[in-house]
Amino acid sequence: MILSNKANQIAASLTLAITAKAKKMKAEGIDVIGFGAGEPDFNTPDNIQNAAIEAIKSGKTRYTAASGISELKEAICAKFKRDNNIEYTPSQIIVSTGAKQCLANAFQAILNPGDEVIVAIPYWVSYPELIKLADGVPVFVKTTEKNHFKYDIKELEEAITDKTKAILINSPNNPTGTVYSEKELKDIAELAQKYDLIIISDEIYEKLLYGEDSHISIASISKDAYDRTIVINGVSKAYAMTGWRIGYAAASETIIKLMSNIQSHTTSNPNSIAQYASLEALNGDQNNLNYMIEEFKHRRDYMVNRINNINNLSCINPNGAFYVMLNISKVLGKSIDGEIVNDSLDFARILLDKEKVAVIPGAAFGVDEFVRLSYATSMENIIEGLNRIENFIKNI
């Protein structure tokens, strides 16, 4: 029996594979320290929980409009005006089952077979696969640690062909923590205008910033950038609501209508109860968010300082999200107990076996000289996990 060729070309998530193995070991009673988490370790704030409970009690448990409830769309418009100085109308908003569905809808709405989307390396693991599922072609532009893993504008322009349809930006970035400046975004916006390209701006980590950098949405750069940008965002990371599965996108009415039509035939509306909870997240008390940001900053500062004091390891200081890209290039090709560490997959596998520490291999993000560590875990785990990593490195 011949099954889908397209489906057979989609790679399994290495992040989920490592996390699943670590969870299995924990279930077997093994003391595993996990640095793989892509979600805050805090619980959803009480006011948001209570809004969901009230929604259930008041009978808001039925189908909604496929693209989301009007109250939430209005709150999203208010958020864009308040936080990003961008004005949208509810007809320019779609609410989906997580930011990932927004991305999937967007790629399906804009791509025809063979259309190219430019993606920076390192990239979030699902970008290439979502593009391929929409019959597009991911075109990768390698970035450097020296340039804080940001697009070099000249190399970005060199990657553009007559098949290029869109440029993808993720700021703050997963997996690097990179935050693009206003000048860098302006350069990208001007390039998109020059070649008449769509910009897809994934801003899901917008609220999680720790340095002097402020988040700037590329859609706010100019009228032209606004017209050609699809902004992707959601409540998962900022409000510790990953399991609630609510994301949203903003774009032109034409694109949002296409995305809504696609969604109406795939999943219909996102969870009704989660939508009302998200309404409270955007409109309600933000004190829990401020606390979470301070805690993440404390953890980041400790992790970065500690890593850069371990021989043969290093990392840059990420200004956003909750990840650190650990440079392991100096230990590649070396061995531990007869096992050679050839690449990031070997590093992650042997580290988990020897020291019971789970990290995500850089191969999942297109870079083999790094592994990703998440600091969305307790300080106790961070301290113990880095102790084990230091011991691992000493034995290589």
Protein backbone atom coordinates (compact mmCIF):
# COMPACT_ATOMS: atom_id res chain seq x y z
CA MET A 1 0.00 0.00 0.00
CA ILE A 2 1.38 3.42 -1.01
CA LEU A 3 0.88 6.13 1.60
CA SER A 4 1.43 9.87 1.39
CA ASN A 5 4.81 10.84 -0.02
CA LYS A 6 4.46 14.26 1.60
CA ALA A 7 3.82 12.76 5.03
CA ASN A 8 6.79 10.44 4.63
CA GLN A 9 9.03 13.46 4.09
CA ILE A 10 8.08 15.05 7.42
CA ALA A 11 10.71 14.50 10.11
CA ALA A 12 9.78 13.53 13.65
CA SER A 13 10.55 16.15 16.29
CA LEU A 14 13.92 15.54 17.94
CA THR A 15 12.86 17.75 20.84
CA LEU A 16 9.88 15.53 21.56
CA ALA A 17 11.97 12.38 21.16
CA ILE A 18 14.55 13.43 23.76
CA THR A 19 11.84 14.69 26.12
CA ALA A 20 9.92 11.42 25.78
CA LYS A 21 13.01 9.37 26.63
CA ALA A 22 13.75 11.54 29.66
CA LYS A 23 10.14 11.21 30.87
CA LYS A 24 10.31 7.43 30.47
CA MET A 25 13.49 7.32 32.57
CA LYS A 26 11.85 9.49 35.24
CA ALA A 27 8.82 7.18 35.27
CA GLU A 28 11.22 4.31 35.94
CA GLY A 29 12.48 6.12 39.04
CA ILE A 30 15.70 7.49 37.50
CA ASP A 31 16.79 10.93 38.73
CA VAL A 32 16.80 12.87 35.45
CA ILE A 33 17.38 16.61 35.14
CA GLY A 34 15.51 17.91 32.11
CA PHE A 35 16.65 21.00 30.18
CA GLY A 36 14.37 20.28 27.26
CA ALA A 37 11.20 22.09 28.33
CA GLY A 38 9.67 24.49 25.84
CA GLU A 39 7.15 25.79 28.34
CA PRO A 40 7.15 27.80 31.57
CA ASP A 41 7.33 25.68 34.72
CA PHE A 42 4.85 28.00 36.46
CA ASN A 43 1.16 27.19 36.77
CA THR A 44 -1.44 29.25 34.93
CA PRO A 45 -2.34 32.29 37.12
CA ASP A 46 -5.44 31.99 39.32
CA ASN A 47 -7.40 34.78 37.62
CA ILE A 48 -7.10 32.95 34.29
CA GLN A 49 -8.08 29.63 35.85
CA ASN A 50 -11.10 31.26 37.45
CA ALA A 51 -12.19 32.79 34.14
CA ALA A 52 -12.16 29.31 32.59
CA ILE A 53 -14.21 27.89 35.47
CA GLU A 54 -16.74 30.70 35.11
CA ALA A 55 -16.95 30.05 31.37
CA ILE A 56 -17.81 26.41 32.05
CA LYS A 57 -20.40 27.28 34.68
CA SER A 58 -22.05 29.87 32.45
CA GLY A 59 -22.39 27.41 29.58
CA LYS A 60 -19.75 28.81 27.25
CA THR A 61 -18.90 25.29 26.16
CA ARG A 62 -20.38 25.18 22.67
CA TYR A 63 -19.03 25.92 19.22
CA THR A 64 -17.87 29.46 18.59
CA ALA A 65 -17.14 31.18 15.31
CA ALA A 66 -14.43 29.15 13.58
CA SER A 67 -11.94 32.03 13.76
CA GLY A 68 -12.59 32.83 17.44
CA ILE A 69 -14.97 34.82 19.64
CA SER A 70 -15.40 38.51 18.91
CA GLU A 71 -14.54 39.56 22.49
CA LEU A 72 -11.13 37.89 22.27
CA LYS A 73 -10.44 39.38 18.84
CA GLU A 74 -11.22 42.82 20.23
CA ALA A 75 -8.87 42.19 23.19
CA ILE A 76 -6.14 41.12 20.76
CA CYS A 77 -6.62 44.32 18.76
CA ALA A 78 -6.34 46.32 21.99
CA LYS A 79 -3.18 44.42 22.90
CA PHE A 80 -1.57 45.22 19.53
CA LYS A 81 -2.43 48.90 19.95
CA ARG A 82 -1.23 49.00 23.57
CA ASP A 83 1.95 46.95 23.25
CA ASN A 84 3.03 47.35 19.63
CA ASN A 85 1.42 50.57 18.42
CA ILE A 86 -0.28 48.69 15.58
CA GLU A 87 -3.94 49.07 14.72
CA TYR A 88 -5.94 46.06 13.57
CA THR A 89 -9.65 45.43 13.30
CA PRO A 90 -11.27 42.15 14.45
CA SER A 91 -11.63 41.12 10.79
CA GLN A 92 -7.81 41.07 10.62
CA ILE A 93 -7.50 38.60 13.52
CA ILE A 94 -7.75 34.82 13.71
CA VAL A 95 -7.66 32.78 16.92
CA SER A 96 -6.32 29.25 16.50
CA THR A 97 -5.38 26.13 18.42
CA GLY A 98 -1.95 27.47 19.37
CA ALA A 99 0.51 29.62 17.43
CA LYS A 100 1.56 26.48 15.58
CA GLN A 101 -1.84 26.22 13.91
CA CYS A 102 -1.63 29.92 13.03
CA LEU A 103 1.66 29.19 11.26
CA ALA A 104 0.22 26.15 9.49
CA ASN A 105 -2.80 28.18 8.36
CA ALA A 106 -0.55 31.01 7.17
CA PHE A 107 1.71 28.78 5.08
CA GLN A 108 -1.30 27.07 3.51
CA ALA A 109 -2.87 30.44 2.78
CA ILE A 110 0.14 31.97 0.99
CA LEU A 111 2.10 29.12 -0.60
CA ASN A 112 1.74 27.40 -3.92
CA PRO A 113 3.78 24.28 -4.85
CA GLY A 114 7.46 25.17 -5.09
CA ASP A 115 7.20 28.57 -3.39
CA GLU A 116 10.20 29.27 -1.17
CA VAL A 117 10.25 30.56 2.40
CA ILE A 118 13.53 31.85 3.82
CA VAL A 119 14.32 30.50 7.29
CA ALA A 120 17.28 31.37 9.51
CA ILE A 121 19.48 28.62 10.95
CA PRO A 122 19.12 27.84 13.87
CA TYR A 123 15.36 27.47 13.46
CA TRP A 124 12.47 26.20 15.55
CA VAL A 125 12.03 22.55 14.67
CA SER A 126 8.55 22.82 13.13
CA TYR A 127 9.18 25.65 10.66
CA PRO A 128 10.63 23.53 7.83
CA GLU A 129 8.05 20.78 8.25
CA LEU A 130 5.09 23.19 8.28
CA ILE A 131 6.40 24.81 5.10
CA LYS A 132 6.79 21.42 3.41
CA LEU A 133 3.28 20.36 4.48
CA ALA A 134 1.99 23.43 2.61
CA ASP A 135 3.92 22.35 -0.53
CA GLY A 136 6.51 25.05 0.05
CA VAL A 137 10.30 24.81 0.08
CA PRO A 138 12.28 25.99 3.11
CA VAL A 139 15.43 27.86 2.08
CA PHE A 140 17.94 28.11 4.90
CA VAL A 141 20.24 31.03 5.66
CA LYS A 142 22.93 30.15 8.17
CA THR A 143 23.56 32.68 10.93
CA THR A 144 26.55 32.91 13.24
CA GLU A 145 27.03 33.01 16.97
CA LYS A 146 29.27 36.06 16.44
CA ASN A 147 26.27 37.90 14.96
CA HIS A 148 23.99 36.61 17.75
CA PHE A 149 22.32 34.22 15.30
CA LYS A 150 20.65 37.02 13.33
CA TYR A 151 20.21 37.35 9.58
CA ASP A 152 23.08 39.04 7.78
CA ILE A 153 21.16 41.30 5.41
CA LYS A 154 23.52 40.67 2.48
CA GLU A 155 23.30 36.90 2.87
CA LEU A 156 19.55 37.18 3.27
CA GLU A 157 19.29 39.04 -0.04
CA GLU A 158 21.52 36.48 -1.75
CA ALA A 159 19.06 33.75 -0.76
CA ILE A 160 16.17 35.42 -2.59
CA THR A 161 15.16 33.88 -5.93
CA ASP A 162 12.25 34.30 -8.32
CA LYS A 163 10.50 31.56 -6.29
CA THR A 164 10.81 33.28 -2.92
CA LYS A 165 7.40 34.03 -1.40
CA ALA A 166 8.19 34.92 2.22
CA ILE A 167 10.80 35.66 4.87
CA LEU A 168 10.32 34.14 8.30
CA ILE A 169 11.40 36.03 11.43
CA ASN A 170 11.26 34.76 15.02
CA SER A 171 12.05 37.43 17.64
CA PRO A 172 12.59 36.78 20.50
CA ASN A 173 13.95 33.60 19.06
CA ASN A 174 13.65 29.91 19.84
CA PRO A 175 16.23 28.37 20.20
CA THR A 176 18.75 31.23 20.50
CA GLY A 177 17.06 33.94 22.58
CA THR A 178 17.99 36.50 19.92
CA VAL A 179 16.06 39.78 19.79
CA TYR A 180 16.11 41.85 16.60
CA SER A 181 16.65 45.61 16.86
CA GLU A 182 14.54 48.24 15.14
CA LYS A 183 17.33 48.91 12.62
CA GLU A 184 17.67 45.21 11.78
CA LEU A 185 13.91 44.87 11.33
CA LYS A 186 13.83 47.97 9.14
CA ASP A 187 16.51 46.46 6.87
CA ILE A 188 14.50 43.25 6.52
CA ALA A 189 11.28 45.18 5.87
CA GLU A 190 12.96 47.22 3.12
CA LEU A 191 14.29 44.03 1.54
CA ALA A 192 10.80 42.49 1.60
CA GLN A 193 9.42 45.62 -0.06
CA LYS A 194 12.16 45.58 -2.72
CA TYR A 195 11.32 42.00 -3.74
CA ASP A 196 7.58 42.11 -2.88
CA LEU A 197 7.77 39.37 -0.25
CA ILE A 198 5.46 38.40 2.59
CA ILE A 199 6.92 38.62 6.11
CA ILE A 200 5.90 36.04 8.70
CA SER A 201 6.83 37.33 12.14
CA ASP A 202 6.62 34.79 14.98
CA GLU A 203 6.43 36.85 18.18
CA ILE A 204 5.23 34.20 20.63
CA TYR A 205 8.04 35.04 23.12
CA GLU A 206 7.35 38.79 22.92
CA LYS A 207 6.85 39.31 26.66
CA LEU A 208 9.90 37.31 27.77
CA LEU A 209 12.69 39.89 27.57
CA TYR A 210 15.50 40.35 30.10
CA GLY A 211 17.99 42.88 28.79
CA GLU A 212 17.68 46.47 27.64
CA ASP A 213 16.16 45.36 24.34
CA SER A 214 12.47 46.05 23.84
CA HIS A 215 10.27 44.02 21.56
CA ILE A 216 9.44 45.69 18.26
CA SER A 217 7.02 44.09 15.85
CA ILE A 218 8.18 44.40 12.26
CA ALA A 219 4.59 45.24 11.32
CA SER A 220 5.04 48.56 13.14
CA ILE A 221 8.08 49.61 11.09
CA SER A 222 6.18 51.14 8.18
CA LYS A 223 2.85 51.09 6.35
CA ASP A 224 4.35 48.77 3.74
CA ALA A 225 5.68 46.37 6.39
CA TYR A 226 2.27 46.38 8.06
CA ASP A 227 0.54 45.49 4.79
CA ARG A 228 2.85 42.56 3.98
CA THR A 229 3.33 41.04 7.48
CA ILE A 230 1.55 38.15 9.15
CA VAL A 231 2.11 38.48 12.91
CA ILE A 232 1.96 35.25 14.92
CA ASN A 233 1.49 35.35 18.69
CA GLY A 234 -0.38 33.66 21.53
CA VAL A 235 -0.83 33.24 25.26
CA SER A 236 1.15 30.02 25.77
CA LYS A 237 4.56 31.36 26.81
CA ALA A 238 3.71 34.67 28.47
CA TYR A 239 0.88 33.36 30.64
CA ALA A 240 2.03 29.77 31.29
CA MET A 241 -0.86 28.48 29.17
CA THR A 242 0.87 26.02 26.84
CA GLY A 243 -1.74 23.30 27.34
CA TRP A 244 -4.65 25.67 26.75
CA ARG A 245 -3.66 25.88 23.06
CA ILE A 246 -4.58 29.41 22.08
CA GLY A 247 -2.61 31.34 19.48
CA TYR A 248 -3.57 34.22 17.26
CA ALA A 249 -2.48 35.90 14.06
CA ALA A 250 -2.95 39.36 12.55
CA ALA A 251 -2.66 40.28 8.89
CA SER A 252 -4.59 41.77 6.00
CA GLU A 253 -8.27 40.89 5.79
CA THR A 254 -7.58 38.92 2.62
CA ILE A 255 -5.00 36.65 4.24
CA ILE A 256 -6.98 36.24 7.47
CA LYS A 257 -10.07 35.25 5.47
CA LEU A 258 -8.06 32.52 3.72
CA MET A 259 -6.62 31.32 7.02
CA SER A 260 -10.10 31.27 8.56
CA ASN A 261 -11.51 29.26 5.66
CA ILE A 262 -8.72 26.71 6.06
CA GLN A 263 -9.27 26.49 9.80
CA SER A 264 -13.04 26.08 9.38
CA HIS A 265 -12.44 22.85 7.47
CA THR A 266 -9.63 21.45 9.63
CA THR A 267 -10.33 22.08 13.31
CA SER A 268 -13.19 24.61 13.36
CA ASN A 269 -13.01 26.85 16.41
CA PRO A 270 -10.30 26.71 19.07
CA ASN A 271 -11.41 25.52 22.51
CA SER A 272 -14.22 27.79 23.71
CA ILE A 273 -13.25 27.66 27.40
CA ALA A 274 -9.60 28.42 26.63
CA GLN A 275 -10.70 31.43 24.58
CA TYR A 276 -12.47 32.97 27.56
CA ALA A 277 -9.45 32.20 29.75
CA SER A 278 -7.24 33.96 27.17
CA LEU A 279 -9.53 36.97 27.27
CA GLU A 280 -8.74 37.29 30.97
CA ALA A 281 -5.03 36.72 30.31
CA LEU A 282 -4.87 39.70 27.96
CA ASN A 283 -7.20 42.01 29.89
CA GLY A 284 -6.54 40.98 33.49
CA ASP A 285 -3.84 41.46 36.14
CA GLN A 286 -0.30 41.18 34.70
CA ASN A 287 1.57 40.83 38.02
CA ASN A 288 2.17 37.10 37.55
CA LEU A 289 3.81 37.80 34.19
CA ASN A 290 6.16 40.32 35.80
CA TYR A 291 7.12 37.80 38.49
CA MET A 292 7.80 35.11 35.91
CA ILE A 293 10.04 37.41 33.88
CA GLU A 294 12.12 38.31 36.95
CA GLU A 295 12.52 34.65 37.85
CA PHE A 296 13.54 33.70 34.32
CA LYS A 297 16.12 36.53 34.29
CA HIS A 298 17.62 35.27 37.55
CA ARG A 299 17.91 31.76 36.15
CA ARG A 300 19.34 32.97 32.84
CA ASP A 301 22.02 35.04 34.54
CA TYR A 302 23.13 32.09 36.65
CA MET A 303 23.13 29.63 33.76
CA VAL A 304 25.08 31.87 31.37
CA ASN A 305 27.71 32.73 33.99
CA ARG A 306 28.11 29.11 35.05
CA ILE A 307 28.40 27.76 31.50
CA ASN A 308 31.06 30.29 30.58
CA ASN A 309 33.12 29.13 33.55
CA ILE A 310 33.17 25.47 32.44
CA ASN A 311 36.22 24.54 30.38
CA ASN A 312 35.50 23.84 26.69
CA LEU A 313 31.92 25.16 26.91
CA SER A 314 30.52 28.60 26.14
CA CYS A 315 27.34 30.46 25.26
CA ILE A 316 26.17 33.94 24.37
CA ASN A 317 23.80 35.85 26.62
CA PRO A 318 20.24 35.47 25.28
CA ASN A 319 18.03 38.53 25.64
CA GLY A 320 14.68 36.79 25.29
CA ALA A 321 12.67 33.53 25.46
CA PHE A 322 14.05 30.97 27.97
CA TYR A 323 16.77 29.08 26.13
CA VAL A 324 20.54 29.01 25.99
CA MET A 325 22.47 27.65 23.02
CA LEU A 326 25.43 25.79 24.50
CA ASN A 327 28.48 25.73 22.21
CA ILE A 328 29.97 22.20 22.32
CA SER A 329 32.30 22.54 19.32
CA LYS A 330 35.45 22.09 21.47
CA VAL A 331 34.40 18.62 22.66
CA LEU A 332 33.26 17.20 19.33
CA GLY A 333 35.49 14.40 18.11
CA LYS A 334 36.56 13.52 21.65
CA SER A 335 35.47 10.42 23.55
CA ILE A 336 34.13 9.34 26.92
CA ASP A 337 34.47 5.73 28.06
CA GLY A 338 35.25 4.72 24.49
CA GLU A 339 32.25 6.50 22.95
CA ILE A 340 33.10 9.26 20.48
CA VAL A 341 31.08 12.47 20.61
CA ASN A 342 30.75 13.09 16.88
CA ASP A 343 27.84 15.53 16.91
CA SER A 344 25.09 17.08 19.00
CA LEU A 345 23.01 13.91 18.85
CA ASP A 346 25.86 11.91 20.36
CA PHE A 347 26.41 14.59 22.99
CA ALA A 348 22.74 14.57 24.04
CA ARG A 349 22.47 10.77 23.99
CA ILE A 350 25.65 10.08 25.96
CA LEU A 351 24.97 12.91 28.44
CA LEU A 352 21.53 11.44 29.16
CA ASP A 353 22.97 7.95 29.59
CA LYS A 354 25.98 8.94 31.71
CA GLU A 355 24.77 11.88 33.78
CA LYS A 356 20.98 11.64 33.46
CA VAL A 357 20.69 15.15 31.99
CA ALA A 358 18.38 15.81 29.03
CA VAL A 359 19.29 18.53 26.53
CA ILE A 360 18.06 19.10 22.97
CA PRO A 361 20.63 18.39 20.23
CA GLY A 362 21.37 21.33 17.96
CA ALA A 363 20.72 19.08 14.97
CA ALA A 364 17.02 19.60 15.70
CA PHE A 365 17.54 23.29 14.88
CA GLY A 366 19.95 22.84 11.96
CA VAL A 367 23.20 23.34 13.93
CA ASP A 368 25.35 20.46 15.13
CA GLU A 369 27.90 22.41 17.18
CA PHE A 370 25.34 23.34 19.84
CA VAL A 371 22.77 21.89 22.21
CA ARG A 372 19.81 23.81 23.61
CA LEU A 373 19.20 24.18 27.33
CA SER A 374 15.93 25.57 28.69
CA TYR A 375 15.94 27.50 31.95
CA ALA A 376 12.19 26.99 32.33
CA THR A 377 12.94 24.80 35.31
CA SER A 378 13.80 25.37 38.97
CA MET A 379 17.09 26.86 40.17
CA GLU A 380 17.67 23.64 42.06
CA ASN A 381 17.47 21.68 38.81
CA ILE A 382 19.63 24.22 36.97
CA ILE A 383 22.39 24.04 39.59
CA GLU A 384 22.37 20.25 39.79
CA GLY A 385 22.08 19.83 36.02
CA LEU A 386 25.04 22.11 35.33
CA ASN A 387 27.06 20.27 38.00
CA ARG A 388 26.43 17.05 36.10
CA ILE A 389 27.28 18.64 32.74
CA GLU A 390 30.56 19.96 34.18
CA ASN A 391 31.38 16.48 35.45
CA PHE A 392 30.55 15.05 32.04
CA ILE A 393 32.89 17.51 30.31
CA LYS A 394 35.72 16.73 32.74
CA ASN A 395 35.51 13.06 31.76
CA ILE A 396 35.63 13.66 28.01
